PDB file of N, CA and C in Angstrom:
ATOM      1  N   MET A   1       0.622  -0.888  -0.076  1.00  0.00           N
ATOM      2  CA  MET A   1       0.473   0.337   0.351  1.00  0.00           C
ATOM      3  C   MET A   1       0.832   1.431  -0.232  1.00  0.00           C
ATOM      4  N   ILE A   2       1.818   1.157   0.877  1.00  0.00           N
ATOM      5  CA  ILE A   2       2.680   2.637   0.936  1.00  0.00           C
ATOM      6  C   ILE A   2       4.495   1.928   0.501  1.00  0.00           C
ATOM      7  N   ASN A   3       4.774   2.186   0.844  1.00  0.00           N
ATOM      8  CA  ASN A   3       6.646   2.128   0.337  1.00  0.00           C
ATOM      9  C   ASN A   3       7.783   2.812  -0.136  1.00  0.00           C
ATOM     10  N   LEU A   4       8.054   3.725   0.834  1.00  0.00           N
ATOM     11  CA  LEU A   4       9.782   4.163   0.355  1.00  0.00           C
ATOM     12  C   LEU A   4      10.384   4.034   0.379  1.00  0.00           C
ATOM     13  N   LYS A   5      11.595   3.937  -0.186  1.00  0.00           N
ATOM     14  CA  LYS A   5      12.386   3.140  -0.321  1.00  0.00           C
ATOM     15  C   LYS A   5      13.406   4.189  -1.001  1.00  0.00           C
ATOM     16  N   ASN A   6      14.657   4.152   0.404  1.00  0.00           N
ATOM     17  CA  ASN A   6      16.081   5.359   0.220  1.00  0.00           C
ATOM     18  C   ASN A   6      15.259   6.498  -0.527  1.00  0.00           C
ATOM     19  N   VAL A   7      14.002   7.978   0.813  1.00  0.00           N
ATOM     20  CA  VAL A   7      14.011   8.389   0.771  1.00  0.00           C
ATOM     21  C   VAL A   7      14.485   9.879   1.678  1.00  0.00           C
ATOM     22  N   THR A   8      14.622  10.986   0.729  1.00  0.00           N
ATOM     23  CA  THR A   8      15.144  11.900   1.237  1.00  0.00           C
ATOM     24  C   THR A   8      15.239  12.812   1.143  1.00  0.00           C
ATOM     25  N   PHE A   9      14.474  14.059   2.344  1.00  0.00           N
ATOM     26  CA  PHE A   9      14.004  15.508   2.073  1.00  0.00           C
ATOM     27  C   PHE A   9      14.855  16.546   1.957  1.00  0.00           C
ATOM     28  N   LYS A  10      15.435  17.576   0.937  1.00  0.00           N
ATOM     29  CA  LYS A  10      15.640  18.607   1.773  1.00  0.00           C
ATOM     30  C   LYS A  10      15.073  19.882   1.880  1.00  0.00           C
ATOM     31  N   TRP A  11      14.813  20.364   2.813  1.00  0.00           N
ATOM     32  CA  TRP A  11      13.897  22.135   2.801  1.00  0.00           C
ATOM     33  C   TRP A  11      14.809  23.224   1.375  1.00  0.00           C
ATOM     34  N   HIS A  12      16.371  22.523   1.587  1.00  0.00           N
ATOM     35  CA  HIS A  12      16.760  23.964   0.901  1.00  0.00           C
ATOM     36  C   HIS A  12      18.454  23.017  -0.506  1.00  0.00           C
ATOM     37  N   LYS A  13      18.285  23.004  -1.173  1.00  0.00           N
ATOM     38  CA  LYS A  13      19.012  22.046  -2.491  1.00  0.00           C
ATOM     39  C   LYS A  13      20.612  21.730  -1.774  1.00  0.00           C
ATOM     40  N   ASN A  14      20.971  22.940  -1.205  1.00  0.00           N
ATOM     41  CA  ASN A  14      21.789  23.218  -0.514  1.00  0.00           C
ATOM     42  C   ASN A  14      22.371  23.067   0.659  1.00  0.00           C
ATOM     43  N   ASP A  15      21.278  22.485   0.952  1.00  0.00           N
ATOM     44  CA  ASP A  15      21.757  21.795   2.963  1.00  0.00           C
ATOM     45  C   ASP A  15      22.224  20.366   2.986  1.00  0.00           C
ATOM     46  N   ASN A  16      23.144  20.634   3.804  1.00  0.00           N
ATOM     47  CA  ASN A  16      24.417  19.730   4.068  1.00  0.00           C
ATOM     48  C   ASN A  16      23.525  17.853   4.250  1.00  0.00           C
ATOM     49  N   ALA A  17      23.123  18.776   5.361  1.00  0.00           N
ATOM     50  CA  ALA A  17      22.234  16.402   5.860  1.00  0.00           C
ATOM     51  C   ALA A  17      20.301  17.117   5.331  1.00  0.00           C
ATOM     52  N   PRO A  18      20.302  16.533   4.786  1.00  0.00           N
ATOM     53  CA  PRO A  18      18.410  15.992   4.564  1.00  0.00           C
ATOM     54  C   PRO A  18      17.841  16.477   5.808  1.00  0.00           C
ATOM     55  N   THR A  19      16.268  16.187   5.243  1.00  0.00           N
ATOM     56  CA  THR A  19      16.171  17.008   6.489  1.00  0.00           C
ATOM     57  C   THR A  19      14.869  15.635   7.121  1.00  0.00           C
ATOM     58  N   LEU A  20      14.551  15.049   6.278  1.00  0.00           N
ATOM     59  CA  LEU A  20      13.820  13.366   6.443  1.00  0.00           C
ATOM     60  C   LEU A  20      14.948  12.710   5.392  1.00  0.00           C
ATOM     61  N   SER A  21      15.410  11.199   6.230  1.00  0.00           N
ATOM     62  CA  SER A  21      15.986  10.361   5.641  1.00  0.00           C
ATOM     63  C   SER A  21      14.965   8.780   6.375  1.00  0.00           C
ATOM     64  N   ILE A  22      14.884   8.106   5.267  1.00  0.00           N
ATOM     65  CA  ILE A  22      14.273   6.760   5.218  1.00  0.00           C
ATOM     66  C   ILE A  22      15.504   6.087   4.298  1.00  0.00           C
ATOM     67  N   SER A  23      15.176   5.170   4.888  1.00  0.00           N
ATOM     68  CA  SER A  23      16.142   3.493   4.111  1.00  0.00           C
ATOM     69  C   SER A  23      14.193   2.791   4.079  1.00  0.00           C
ATOM     70  N   GLU A  24      13.733   2.265   4.174  1.00  0.00           N
ATOM     71  CA  GLU A  24      13.390   1.731   4.102  1.00  0.00           C
ATOM     72  C   GLU A  24      11.683   2.034   4.803  1.00  0.00           C
ATOM     73  N   LEU A  25      10.577   1.958   4.606  1.00  0.00           N
ATOM     74  CA  LEU A  25       9.237   1.674   5.052  1.00  0.00           C
ATOM     75  C   LEU A  25       8.077   1.133   3.953  1.00  0.00           C
ATOM     76  N   ILE A  26       7.910   0.367   5.248  1.00  0.00           N
ATOM     77  CA  ILE A  26       6.705  -0.969   4.174  1.00  0.00           C
ATOM     78  C   ILE A  26       5.361  -0.756   4.650  1.00  0.00           C
ATOM     79  N   ILE A  27       4.274  -0.087   4.814  1.00  0.00           N
ATOM     80  CA  ILE A  27       2.836  -0.219   5.531  1.00  0.00           C
ATOM     81  C   ILE A  27       2.143  -1.015   4.531  1.00  0.00           C
ATOM     82  N   LYS A  28       1.869  -2.534   4.632  1.00  0.00           N
ATOM     83  CA  LYS A  28       0.662  -2.967   4.088  1.00  0.00           C
ATOM     84  C   LYS A  28      -0.613  -2.751   4.220  1.00  0.00           C
ATOM     85  N   LYS A  29      -1.649  -2.836   2.917  1.00  0.00           N
ATOM     86  CA  LYS A  29      -3.301  -2.681   3.779  1.00  0.00           C
ATOM     87  C   LYS A  29      -3.600  -2.861   4.868  1.00  0.00           C
ATOM     88  N   GLY A  30      -4.102  -2.173   5.218  1.00  0.00           N
ATOM     89  CA  GLY A  30      -4.539  -3.147   6.941  1.00  0.00           C
ATOM     90  C   GLY A  30      -3.959  -2.628   8.048  1.00  0.00           C
ATOM     91  N   GLN A  31      -2.419  -2.209   7.486  1.00  0.00           N
ATOM     92  CA  GLN A  31      -2.028  -2.223   9.237  1.00  0.00           C
ATOM     93  C   GLN A  31      -2.080  -1.024   9.139  1.00  0.00           C
ATOM     94  N   HIS A  32      -1.860  -1.193  10.970  1.00  0.00           N
ATOM     95  CA  HIS A  32      -2.151   0.650  11.335  1.00  0.00           C
ATOM     96  C   HIS A  32      -1.259   0.817  11.804  1.00  0.00           C
ATOM     97  N   VAL A  33      -0.693   2.625  11.936  1.00  0.00           N
ATOM     98  CA  VAL A  33       0.708   3.076  12.254  1.00  0.00           C
ATOM     99  C   VAL A  33       0.329   4.097  12.686  1.00  0.00           C
ATOM    100  N   PHE A  34       1.468   4.206  13.829  1.00  0.00           N
ATOM    101  CA  PHE A  34       1.659   5.721  14.750  1.00  0.00           C
ATOM    102  C   PHE A  34       2.464   6.374  14.677  1.00  0.00           C
ATOM    103  N   LEU A  35       2.166   7.793  14.418  1.00  0.00           N
ATOM    104  CA  LEU A  35       3.525   8.174  13.575  1.00  0.00           C
ATOM    105  C   LEU A  35       4.075   9.845  14.802  1.00  0.00           C
ATOM    106  N   HIS A  36       4.882   9.424  15.651  1.00  0.00           N
ATOM    107  CA  HIS A  36       4.965  10.659  17.098  1.00  0.00           C
ATOM    108  C   HIS A  36       6.606  10.318  16.911  1.00  0.00           C
ATOM    109  N   GLY A  37       6.825  12.010  17.988  1.00  0.00           N
ATOM    110  CA  GLY A  37       8.366  11.838  17.654  1.00  0.00           C
ATOM    111  C   GLY A  37       8.402  13.440  18.505  1.00  0.00           C
ATOM    112  N   PRO A  38       9.511  14.502  18.371  1.00  0.00           N
ATOM    113  CA  PRO A  38       9.621  15.472  19.588  1.00  0.00           C
ATOM    114  C   PRO A  38       9.237  15.903  18.194  1.00  0.00           C
ATOM    115  N   SER A  39       9.186  17.001  18.018  1.00  0.00           N
ATOM    116  CA  SER A  39       9.208  19.130  17.284  1.00  0.00           C
ATOM    117  C   SER A  39      10.744  18.478  16.887  1.00  0.00           C
ATOM    118  N   GLY A  40       9.861  18.551  15.230  1.00  0.00           N
ATOM    119  CA  GLY A  40      10.836  18.382  14.785  1.00  0.00           C
ATOM    120  C   GLY A  40      11.758  17.690  13.660  1.00  0.00           C
ATOM    121  N   SER A  41      11.265  16.245  14.044  1.00  0.00           N
ATOM    122  CA  SER A  41      11.631  15.125  14.073  1.00  0.00           C
ATOM    123  C   SER A  41      11.400  14.258  11.784  1.00  0.00           C
ATOM    124  N   GLY A  42      10.472  15.077  11.749  1.00  0.00           N
ATOM    125  CA  GLY A  42      10.126  14.648  10.777  1.00  0.00           C
ATOM    126  C   GLY A  42       8.345  15.019  10.491  1.00  0.00           C
ATOM    127  N   LYS A  43       7.689  14.814  10.841  1.00  0.00           N
ATOM    128  CA  LYS A  43       6.517  13.966  11.426  1.00  0.00           C
ATOM    129  C   LYS A  43       5.841  14.922   9.424  1.00  0.00           C
ATOM    130  N   SER A  44       5.443  15.645  10.205  1.00  0.00           N
ATOM    131  CA  SER A  44       4.240  16.439   9.241  1.00  0.00           C
ATOM    132  C   SER A  44       4.666  16.498   7.539  1.00  0.00           C
ATOM    133  N   THR A  45       6.252  16.358   7.453  1.00  0.00           N
ATOM    134  CA  THR A  45       7.432  16.779   6.045  1.00  0.00           C
ATOM    135  C   THR A  45       7.225  15.109   5.928  1.00  0.00           C
ATOM    136  N   LEU A  46       7.740  13.562   6.017  1.00  0.00           N
ATOM    137  CA  LEU A  46       6.744  12.577   5.765  1.00  0.00           C
ATOM    138  C   LEU A  46       5.733  12.639   5.284  1.00  0.00           C
ATOM    139  N   LEU A  47       4.388  13.055   6.526  1.00  0.00           N
ATOM    140  CA  LEU A  47       2.751  13.212   5.889  1.00  0.00           C
ATOM    141  C   LEU A  47       3.056  14.361   4.621  1.00  0.00           C
ATOM    142  N   ALA A  48       3.472  15.361   4.297  1.00  0.00           N
ATOM    143  CA  ALA A  48       3.228  15.698   3.299  1.00  0.00           C
ATOM    144  C   ALA A  48       4.655  15.016   2.014  1.00  0.00           C
ATOM    145  N   LEU A  49       4.958  14.032   2.265  1.00  0.00           N
ATOM    146  CA  LEU A  49       5.776  13.152   0.718  1.00  0.00           C
ATOM    147  C   LEU A  49       4.234  12.723   0.900  1.00  0.00           C
ATOM    148  N   LEU A  50       3.762  12.366   1.791  1.00  0.00           N
ATOM    149  CA  LEU A  50       2.956  10.895   1.462  1.00  0.00           C
ATOM    150  C   LEU A  50       1.616  11.741   1.116  1.00  0.00           C
ATOM    151  N   GLY A  51       1.386  12.848   1.027  1.00  0.00           N
ATOM    152  CA  GLY A  51       0.462  13.385   0.772  1.00  0.00           C
ATOM    153  C   GLY A  51       0.575  13.599  -1.148  1.00  0.00           C
ATOM    154  N   GLY A  52       1.983  13.561  -0.955  1.00  0.00           N
ATOM    155  CA  GLY A  52       2.056  14.153  -2.246  1.00  0.00           C
ATOM    156  C   GLY A  52       2.304  16.060  -2.311  1.00  0.00           C
ATOM    157  N   ILE A  53       1.620  16.531  -1.875  1.00  0.00           N
ATOM    158  CA  ILE A  53       2.000  17.523  -1.483  1.00  0.00           C
ATOM    159  C   ILE A  53       3.958  18.075  -1.677  1.00  0.00           C
ATOM    160  N   ASN A  54       4.741  18.069  -0.866  1.00  0.00           N
ATOM    161  CA  ASN A  54       5.581  17.528  -1.253  1.00  0.00           C
ATOM    162  C   ASN A  54       6.844  16.424  -2.052  1.00  0.00           C
ATOM    163  N   THR A  55       7.574  16.773  -2.937  1.00  0.00           N
ATOM    164  CA  THR A  55       8.136  15.581  -3.499  1.00  0.00           C
ATOM    165  C   THR A  55       9.323  14.813  -2.616  1.00  0.00           C
ATOM    166  N   ALA A  56       9.840  13.733  -3.368  1.00  0.00           N
ATOM    167  CA  ALA A  56      11.166  13.164  -1.939  1.00  0.00           C
ATOM    168  C   ALA A  56      12.686  14.531  -3.108  1.00  0.00           C
ATOM    169  N   THR A  57      14.017  14.460  -2.271  1.00  0.00           N
ATOM    170  CA  THR A  57      14.772  14.643  -3.233  1.00  0.00           C
ATOM    171  C   THR A  57      15.629  13.550  -2.912  1.00  0.00           C
ATOM    172  N   SER A  58      15.662  12.156  -3.018  1.00  0.00           N
ATOM    173  CA  SER A  58      15.626  11.099  -4.114  1.00  0.00           C
ATOM    174  C   SER A  58      15.393   9.782  -3.005  1.00  0.00           C
ATOM    175  N   GLY A  59      14.756   9.181  -4.405  1.00  0.00           N
ATOM    176  CA  GLY A  59      14.049   8.597  -3.476  1.00  0.00           C
ATOM    177  C   GLY A  59      12.409   8.211  -4.179  1.00  0.00           C
ATOM    178  N   ASP A  60      12.522   6.474  -3.669  1.00  0.00           N
ATOM    179  CA  ASP A  60      11.127   6.597  -4.656  1.00  0.00           C
ATOM    180  C   ASP A  60      10.136   6.210  -3.199  1.00  0.00           C
ATOM    181  N   VAL A  61       8.862   7.190  -2.987  1.00  0.00           N
ATOM    182  CA  VAL A  61       7.665   7.565  -2.539  1.00  0.00           C
ATOM    183  C   VAL A  61       6.236   6.811  -3.252  1.00  0.00           C
ATOM    184  N   VAL A  62       5.892   5.654  -3.167  1.00  0.00           N
ATOM    185  CA  VAL A  62       4.473   4.457  -3.861  1.00  0.00           C
ATOM    186  C   VAL A  62       3.225   3.851  -3.296  1.00  0.00           C
ATOM    187  N   ILE A  63       3.278   5.098  -3.434  1.00  0.00           N
ATOM    188  CA  ILE A  63       1.673   4.309  -2.814  1.00  0.00           C
ATOM    189  C   ILE A  63       0.151   4.443  -3.441  1.00  0.00           C
ATOM    190  N   LEU A  64      -0.561   2.876  -4.089  1.00  0.00           N
ATOM    191  CA  LEU A  64      -0.838   2.755  -4.142  1.00  0.00           C
ATOM    192  C   LEU A  64      -0.097   2.396  -6.334  1.00  0.00           C
ATOM    193  N   SER A  65       0.730   1.377  -5.520  1.00  0.00           N
ATOM    194  CA  SER A  65       1.318   0.979  -6.786  1.00  0.00           C
ATOM    195  C   SER A  65       1.563   2.585  -7.479  1.00  0.00           C
ATOM    196  N   GLN A  66       1.882   3.489  -6.477  1.00  0.00           N
ATOM    197  CA  GLN A  66       2.359   4.874  -8.036  1.00  0.00           C
ATOM    198  C   GLN A  66       3.435   5.767  -7.429  1.00  0.00           C
ATOM    199  N   ASN A  67       4.017   5.762  -7.770  1.00  0.00           N
ATOM    200  CA  ASN A  67       5.283   6.622  -7.787  1.00  0.00           C
ATOM    201  C   ASN A  67       4.840   8.241  -7.723  1.00  0.00           C
ATOM    202  N   LEU A  68       4.106   9.153  -6.315  1.00  0.00           N
ATOM    203  CA  LEU A  68       4.838  10.641  -7.014  1.00  0.00           C
ATOM    204  C   LEU A  68       5.567  10.759  -6.914  1.00  0.00           C
ATOM    205  N   ASN A  69       6.373  10.770  -7.308  1.00  0.00           N
ATOM    206  CA  ASN A  69       7.612  11.325  -7.018  1.00  0.00           C
ATOM    207  C   ASN A  69       7.439  11.241  -8.814  1.00  0.00           C
ATOM    208  N   THR A  70       7.493  10.381  -9.131  1.00  0.00           N
ATOM    209  CA  THR A  70       7.600  10.589 -10.593  1.00  0.00           C
ATOM    210  C   THR A  70       6.092  11.254 -11.857  1.00  0.00           C
ATOM    211  N   GLN A  71       5.623  12.095 -11.087  1.00  0.00           N
ATOM    212  CA  GLN A  71       4.043  12.733 -11.020  1.00  0.00           C
ATOM    213  C   GLN A  71       4.829  13.036 -11.712  1.00  0.00           C
ATOM    214  N   SER A  72       3.595  14.807 -11.644  1.00  0.00           N
ATOM    215  CA  SER A  72       3.692  16.151 -13.023  1.00  0.00           C
ATOM    216  C   SER A  72       2.297  16.108 -11.435  1.00  0.00           C
ATOM    217  N   ASN A  73       2.898  17.304 -10.914  1.00  0.00           N
ATOM    218  CA  ASN A  73       2.563  18.423  -9.814  1.00  0.00           C
ATOM    219  C   ASN A  73       0.795  18.355 -10.315  1.00  0.00           C
ATOM    220  N   THR A  74       0.036  18.763 -11.199  1.00  0.00           N
ATOM    221  CA  THR A  74      -1.305  18.220 -11.463  1.00  0.00           C
ATOM    222  C   THR A  74      -1.513  17.152 -11.151  1.00  0.00           C
ATOM    223  N   LYS A  75      -0.899  15.642 -11.849  1.00  0.00           N
ATOM    224  CA  LYS A  75      -0.519  14.629 -11.573  1.00  0.00           C
ATOM    225  C   LYS A  75      -1.359  13.779  -9.509  1.00  0.00           C
ATOM    226  N   ARG A  76      -0.221  14.455  -9.587  1.00  0.00           N
ATOM    227  CA  ARG A  76      -0.572  14.295  -7.448  1.00  0.00           C
ATOM    228  C   ARG A  76      -1.460  14.903  -6.762  1.00  0.00           C
ATOM    229  N   ASP A  77      -1.455  16.042  -7.426  1.00  0.00           N
ATOM    230  CA  ASP A  77      -3.340  16.562  -6.618  1.00  0.00           C
ATOM    231  C   ASP A  77      -4.338  15.830  -7.084  1.00  0.00           C
ATOM    232  N   ALA A  78      -4.555  14.936  -8.183  1.00  0.00           N
ATOM    233  CA  ALA A  78      -5.600  15.068  -9.219  1.00  0.00           C
ATOM    234  C   ALA A  78      -5.444  12.883  -7.945  1.00  0.00           C
ATOM    235  N   PHE A  79      -4.635  13.101  -8.139  1.00  0.00           N
ATOM    236  CA  PHE A  79      -4.299  11.795  -6.827  1.00  0.00           C
ATOM    237  C   PHE A  79      -4.150  11.677  -5.556  1.00  0.00           C
ATOM    238  N   ARG A  80      -3.609  13.052  -4.767  1.00  0.00           N
ATOM    239  CA  ARG A  80      -4.581  13.133  -3.581  1.00  0.00           C
ATOM    240  C   ARG A  80      -5.497  13.752  -3.061  1.00  0.00           C
ATOM    241  N   ALA A  81      -6.242  13.980  -4.109  1.00  0.00           N
ATOM    242  CA  ALA A  81      -7.938  14.421  -4.216  1.00  0.00           C
ATOM    243  C   ALA A  81      -8.904  13.073  -4.007  1.00  0.00           C
ATOM    244  N   ASP A  82      -8.122  12.136  -5.003  1.00  0.00           N
ATOM    245  CA  ASP A  82      -8.436  11.222  -5.120  1.00  0.00           C
ATOM    246  C   ASP A  82      -8.840   9.615  -3.998  1.00  0.00           C
ATOM    247  N   HIS A  83      -7.912  10.197  -3.886  1.00  0.00           N
ATOM    248  CA  HIS A  83      -6.981   8.791  -2.261  1.00  0.00           C
ATOM    249  C   HIS A  83      -6.978   9.222  -0.823  1.00  0.00           C
ATOM    250  N   ILE A  84      -5.997  10.473  -0.992  1.00  0.00           N
ATOM    251  CA  ILE A  84      -6.114  10.176   0.916  1.00  0.00           C
ATOM    252  C   ILE A  84      -6.323  11.709   1.687  1.00  0.00           C
ATOM    253  N   GLY A  85      -6.529  11.747   2.192  1.00  0.00           N
ATOM    254  CA  GLY A  85      -6.943  11.964   3.396  1.00  0.00           C
ATOM    255  C   GLY A  85      -6.073  12.646   4.585  1.00  0.00           C
ATOM    256  N   THR A  86      -5.384  14.178   4.977  1.00  0.00           N
ATOM    257  CA  THR A  86      -5.149  14.254   5.512  1.00  0.00           C
ATOM    258  C   THR A  86      -6.120  15.236   7.252  1.00  0.00           C
ATOM    259  N   ILE A  87      -6.345  14.804   8.277  1.00  0.00           N
ATOM    260  CA  ILE A  87      -6.506  16.087   8.927  1.00  0.00           C
ATOM    261  C   ILE A  87      -5.108  16.499   9.711  1.00  0.00           C
ATOM    262  N   PHE A  88      -4.959  17.534  10.468  1.00  0.00           N
ATOM    263  CA  PHE A  88      -4.004  19.038  10.916  1.00  0.00           C
ATOM    264  C   PHE A  88      -4.620  18.598  11.884  1.00  0.00           C
TER     265      PHE A  88
END
Protein backbone atom coordinates (compact mmCIF):
# COMPACT_ATOMS: atom_id res chain seq x y z
CA MET A 1 0.00 0.00 0.00
CA ILE A 2 2.76 2.44 1.02
CA ASN A 3 6.38 1.82 0.14
CA LEU A 4 9.22 4.26 0.71
CA LYS A 5 12.71 3.31 -0.43
CA ASN A 6 15.87 5.40 0.06
CA VAL A 7 13.83 8.56 0.56
CA THR A 8 15.50 11.82 1.50
CA PHE A 9 14.02 15.29 1.70
CA LYS A 10 15.82 18.61 1.95
CA TRP A 11 14.02 21.91 2.31
CA HIS A 12 16.93 23.64 0.57
CA LYS A 13 18.98 21.91 -2.11
CA ASN A 14 22.27 23.18 -0.71
CA ASP A 15 21.62 21.84 2.83
CA ASN A 16 24.32 19.40 3.91
CA ALA A 17 22.05 17.03 5.82
CA PRO A 18 18.55 16.02 4.75
CA THR A 19 15.57 17.04 6.87
CA LEU A 20 14.23 13.51 6.50
CA SER A 21 16.01 10.27 5.60
CA ILE A 22 14.19 6.92 5.40
CA SER A 23 15.98 3.86 4.04
CA GLU A 24 12.78 1.78 3.89
CA LEU A 25 9.20 1.98 5.13
CA ILE A 26 6.55 -0.52 4.11
CA ILE A 27 2.95 -0.24 5.30
CA LYS A 28 0.65 -3.01 4.14
CA LYS A 29 -3.07 -2.76 3.46
CA GLY A 30 -5.02 -2.86 6.72
CA GLN A 31 -1.97 -2.15 8.84
CA HIS A 32 -2.25 0.62 11.43
CA VAL A 33 0.66 2.94 12.11
CA PHE A 34 1.13 5.46 14.91
CA LEU A 35 3.46 8.31 14.01
CA HIS A 36 5.04 10.10 16.95
CA GLY A 37 8.18 11.98 17.85
CA PRO A 38 9.42 15.26 19.21
CA SER A 39 8.84 18.57 17.51
CA GLY A 40 11.09 18.90 14.48
CA SER A 41 11.61 15.17 13.97
CA GLY A 42 9.96 15.13 10.50
CA LYS A 43 6.40 13.88 11.17
CA SER A 44 4.70 16.62 9.15
CA THR A 45 7.35 16.40 6.45
CA LEU A 46 6.67 12.67 6.11
CA LEU A 47 2.91 13.29 5.88
CA ALA A 48 3.50 15.94 3.21
CA LEU A 49 5.56 13.44 1.20
CA LEU A 50 2.91 10.73 1.58
CA GLY A 51 0.23 13.20 0.52
CA GLY A 52 2.16 14.35 -2.52
CA ILE A 53 2.27 17.91 -1.23
CA ASN A 54 6.08 17.79 -1.28
CA THR A 55 8.29 15.56 -3.40
CA ALA A 56 11.31 13.68 -2.11
CA THR A 57 14.76 14.96 -2.96
CA SER A 58 15.70 11.37 -3.77
CA GLY A 59 14.23 7.89 -3.54
CA ASP A 60 10.80 6.47 -4.24
CA VAL A 61 7.49 7.27 -2.55
CA VAL A 62 5.05 4.66 -3.87
CA ILE A 63 1.41 4.64 -2.75
CA LEU A 64 -1.16 2.28 -4.30
CA SER A 65 1.47 1.34 -6.94
CA GLN A 66 1.86 5.00 -7.96
CA ASN A 67 5.31 6.59 -7.64
CA LEU A 68 4.49 10.11 -6.48
CA ASN A 69 8.00 11.36 -7.28
CA THR A 70 7.57 10.73 -11.00
CA GLN A 71 4.17 12.41 -11.30
CA SER A 72 3.54 16.02 -12.28
CA ASN A 73 2.05 18.43 -9.75
CA THR A 74 -1.33 18.11 -11.46
CA LYS A 75 -1.29 14.30 -11.33
CA ARG A 76 -0.19 14.30 -7.68
CA ASP A 77 -3.01 16.74 -6.84
CA ALA A 78 -5.55 14.49 -8.57
CA PHE A 79 -4.15 11.40 -6.84
CA ARG A 80 -4.35 13.14 -3.45
CA ALA A 81 -7.94 14.27 -4.13
CA ASP A 82 -8.97 10.74 -5.07
CA HIS A 83 -7.04 8.65 -2.50
CA ILE A 84 -5.59 10.60 0.43
CA GLY A 85 -7.11 12.47 3.35
CA THR A 86 -5.11 14.30 5.98
CA ILE A 87 -6.47 15.91 9.12
CA PHE A 88 -4.13 18.22 11.02
